[in-house]
Amino acid sequence: MPSSKNSDIKSPQCLNSDLNVLHLRQAFQAPLIMCELTYLDGNVITVSGDNKANLAASRGHMSIGDVAHVFSSHGWNNNNKDNSSLKGKTIIFFHFSARHNPARRALELLLRNLPEWIIPYSYCAISSLLSKEEKLGGSNFPTELVGDNGCIHLESYRAAMQGWEAEELVKTDN
């Protein structure tokens, strides 16, 4: 994902021109944003990191550590208390590295490492990460939350998991 500063867009796909800057601004105003997010564990790769990070970024890969900076630099942030600027917005994260499977692991990494303010707007294309057990509804994975498009709403997943954990605590107390 390109840098947020108009003067230093470095992605090979986005040459530093006024027209490209305008298109980038318009893209972040869209009600739906598709965002590639390959690396989900914050300690692996970030755009500002080592040579591996720069190589990954030059190939168009993004790390979860870059999400807050990229989105907040384009007006997607928690600065206004009611988040009115984000109403009606949706982000679909996709292209997760297979190293983060099964789906439950990827979703837990997303919940742990994404900024809290972005979670309510986030869907994740996780069908390719579903294990056989998860696909069959095993391991208490909420397959009913995975849409026909292979996406799951991150906040709904969190609520389902919190409900499941509460049920498990009641079972162990009895």
Protein backbone atom coordinates (compact mmCIF):
# COMPACT_ATOMS: atom_id res chain seq x y z
CA MET A 1 0.00 0.00 0.00
CA PRO A 2 1.44 3.40 -0.87
CA SER A 3 2.62 5.85 1.71
CA SER A 4 0.16 8.45 2.86
CA LYS A 5 2.31 11.48 2.10
CA ASN A 6 1.58 13.01 -1.27
CA SER A 7 5.24 13.75 -1.90
CA ASP A 8 6.55 10.27 -1.24
CA ILE A 9 4.24 7.74 -2.84
CA LYS A 10 6.75 5.01 -3.59
CA SER A 11 4.69 2.12 -4.85
CA PRO A 12 5.69 1.15 -8.39
CA GLN A 13 1.98 1.09 -9.24
CA CYS A 14 1.50 4.73 -8.17
CA LEU A 15 3.88 7.21 -9.70
CA ASN A 16 4.01 10.54 -7.88
CA SER A 17 1.62 12.58 -9.96
CA ASP A 18 -1.24 14.88 -9.03
CA LEU A 19 -3.71 12.60 -10.80
CA ASN A 20 -2.58 9.52 -8.87
CA VAL A 21 -2.75 11.42 -5.57
CA LEU A 22 -6.29 12.50 -6.45
CA HIS A 23 -7.26 8.91 -7.28
CA LEU A 24 -5.76 7.67 -4.01
CA ARG A 25 -7.75 10.24 -2.02
CA GLN A 26 -10.94 9.29 -3.87
CA ALA A 27 -10.34 5.59 -3.26
CA PHE A 28 -10.22 6.11 0.50
CA GLN A 29 -13.53 7.98 0.35
CA ALA A 30 -15.31 4.98 -1.20
CA PRO A 31 -17.84 3.13 0.95
CA LEU A 32 -16.02 -0.16 0.27
CA ILE A 33 -12.27 -0.63 0.47
CA MET A 34 -10.56 -3.87 -0.48
CA CYS A 35 -7.24 -4.16 1.35
CA GLU A 36 -4.59 -6.80 0.81
CA LEU A 37 -3.19 -7.83 4.19
CA THR A 38 -0.64 -10.60 3.86
CA TYR A 39 1.10 -10.54 7.23
CA LEU A 40 -0.99 -10.67 10.40
CA ASP A 41 1.51 -11.03 13.19
CA GLY A 42 2.84 -7.59 13.99
CA ASN A 43 6.43 -8.66 14.53
CA VAL A 44 6.96 -10.14 11.06
CA ILE A 45 7.05 -7.35 8.51
CA THR A 46 6.31 -3.64 8.42
CA VAL A 47 6.88 -1.14 5.65
CA SER A 48 9.43 0.79 7.71
CA GLY A 49 11.35 -2.29 8.82
CA ASP A 50 14.28 -4.28 7.49
CA ASN A 51 15.15 -5.37 3.93
CA LYS A 52 12.55 -8.17 4.03
CA ALA A 53 9.95 -5.56 4.90
CA ASN A 54 10.99 -3.31 2.03
CA LEU A 55 10.93 -6.27 -0.35
CA ALA A 56 7.46 -7.27 0.80
CA ALA A 57 6.20 -3.68 0.51
CA SER A 58 7.73 -3.27 -2.96
CA ARG A 59 5.77 -6.35 -4.04
CA GLY A 60 2.54 -4.82 -2.76
CA HIS A 61 2.25 -6.81 0.48
CA MET A 62 1.06 -5.12 3.63
CA SER A 63 1.58 -5.99 7.27
CA ILE A 64 -1.00 -5.56 9.98
CA GLY A 65 1.41 -3.11 11.60
CA ASP A 66 0.82 -0.73 8.68
CA VAL A 67 -2.98 -0.70 8.78
CA ALA A 68 -3.50 2.02 11.39
CA HIS A 69 -1.05 4.40 9.72
CA VAL A 70 -2.37 3.89 6.20
CA PHE A 71 -6.05 4.18 7.07
CA SER A 72 -5.73 6.99 9.61
CA SER A 73 -3.63 9.04 7.19
CA HIS A 74 -6.61 8.95 4.81
CA GLY A 75 -9.25 10.03 7.30
CA TRP A 76 -10.19 6.60 8.64
CA ASN A 77 -9.44 7.17 12.27
CA ASN A 78 -10.80 7.39 15.74
CA ASN A 79 -10.32 11.16 16.06
CA ASN A 80 -13.98 12.09 16.06
CA LYS A 81 -15.79 10.56 18.99
CA ASP A 82 -18.85 9.26 17.18
CA ASN A 83 -16.89 8.02 14.11
CA SER A 84 -19.46 9.72 11.88
CA SER A 85 -16.89 9.93 9.08
CA LEU A 86 -16.75 6.12 9.02
CA LYS A 87 -20.51 5.42 8.98
CA GLY A 88 -21.44 3.32 5.98
CA LYS A 89 -17.81 2.31 5.35
CA THR A 90 -16.61 -1.26 4.96
CA ILE A 91 -13.13 -2.72 4.65
CA ILE A 92 -12.57 -6.20 3.28
CA PHE A 93 -9.16 -7.60 4.17
CA PHE A 94 -7.95 -10.38 1.87
CA HIS A 95 -4.87 -12.28 0.64
CA PHE A 96 -3.72 -13.53 4.04
CA SER A 97 -0.55 -15.60 4.05
CA ALA A 98 -1.20 -19.33 4.44
CA ARG A 99 1.25 -19.26 7.36
CA HIS A 100 -1.63 -17.82 9.40
CA ASN A 101 -4.05 -20.73 8.95
CA PRO A 102 -6.36 -22.13 10.17
CA ALA A 103 -8.99 -19.39 9.95
CA ARG A 104 -9.42 -19.20 13.74
CA ARG A 105 -5.73 -18.35 14.15
CA ALA A 106 -5.88 -15.66 11.45
CA LEU A 107 -8.98 -14.10 13.00
CA GLU A 108 -7.43 -14.09 16.46
CA LEU A 109 -4.32 -12.37 15.08
CA LEU A 110 -6.54 -9.78 13.37
CA LEU A 111 -8.46 -9.11 16.59
CA ARG A 112 -5.26 -8.86 18.60
CA ASN A 113 -3.32 -6.65 16.17
CA LEU A 114 -5.81 -4.41 14.36
CA PRO A 115 -6.67 -1.08 15.95
CA GLU A 116 -9.89 -1.38 17.93
CA TRP A 117 -11.56 1.46 16.00
CA ILE A 118 -11.23 -0.36 12.68
CA ILE A 119 -12.73 -3.72 13.77
CA PRO A 120 -16.44 -2.75 13.45
CA TYR A 121 -15.89 -1.90 9.76
CA SER A 122 -13.81 -4.99 8.96
CA TYR A 123 -14.69 -8.11 7.03
CA CYS A 124 -12.11 -10.80 6.32
CA ALA A 125 -11.97 -13.10 3.31
CA ILE A 126 -11.02 -16.26 5.19
CA SER A 127 -12.54 -19.15 3.23
CA SER A 128 -9.14 -20.24 1.90
CA LEU A 129 -7.83 -20.52 5.47
CA LEU A 130 -10.66 -22.69 6.80
CA SER A 131 -9.42 -26.07 7.98
CA LYS A 132 -11.48 -29.19 7.20
CA GLU A 133 -12.61 -29.23 10.81
CA GLU A 134 -13.67 -25.57 10.68
CA LYS A 135 -15.56 -26.12 7.41
CA LEU A 136 -17.53 -28.91 9.07
CA GLY A 137 -18.40 -26.71 12.04
CA GLY A 138 -15.95 -28.42 14.37
CA SER A 139 -13.67 -26.77 16.91
CA ASN A 140 -16.53 -24.43 17.83
CA PHE A 141 -15.88 -22.33 14.73
CA PRO A 142 -18.93 -20.23 13.77
CA THR A 143 -19.23 -21.34 10.13
CA GLU A 144 -22.69 -19.73 10.01
CA LEU A 145 -20.96 -16.34 10.11
CA VAL A 146 -18.99 -17.00 6.92
CA GLY A 147 -20.93 -15.51 4.05
CA ASP A 148 -21.40 -17.03 0.61
CA ASN A 149 -18.61 -14.70 -0.49
CA GLY A 150 -16.18 -16.33 1.99
CA CYS A 151 -16.03 -13.30 4.28
CA ILE A 152 -16.68 -13.00 7.97
CA HIS A 153 -17.45 -9.80 9.89
CA LEU A 154 -14.69 -9.44 12.45
CA GLU A 155 -16.83 -7.88 15.17
CA SER A 156 -19.48 -10.62 14.78
CA TYR A 157 -16.78 -13.27 15.03
CA ARG A 158 -15.47 -11.68 18.24
CA ALA A 159 -18.98 -11.58 19.73
CA ALA A 160 -19.55 -15.24 18.83
CA MET A 161 -16.25 -16.27 20.40
CA GLN A 162 -16.96 -14.29 23.57
CA GLY A 163 -20.35 -16.01 23.80
CA TRP A 164 -18.74 -19.41 23.32
CA GLU A 165 -16.10 -18.67 25.98
CA ALA A 166 -18.82 -17.59 28.43
CA GLU A 167 -20.70 -20.87 27.79
CA GLU A 168 -17.51 -22.85 28.39
CA LEU A 169 -16.92 -21.04 31.70
CA VAL A 170 -20.47 -21.91 32.85
CA LYS A 171 -19.88 -25.56 31.89
CA THR A 172 -16.63 -25.71 33.87
CA ASP A 173 -18.26 -24.06 36.92
CA ASN A 174 -20.95 -26.78 37.05
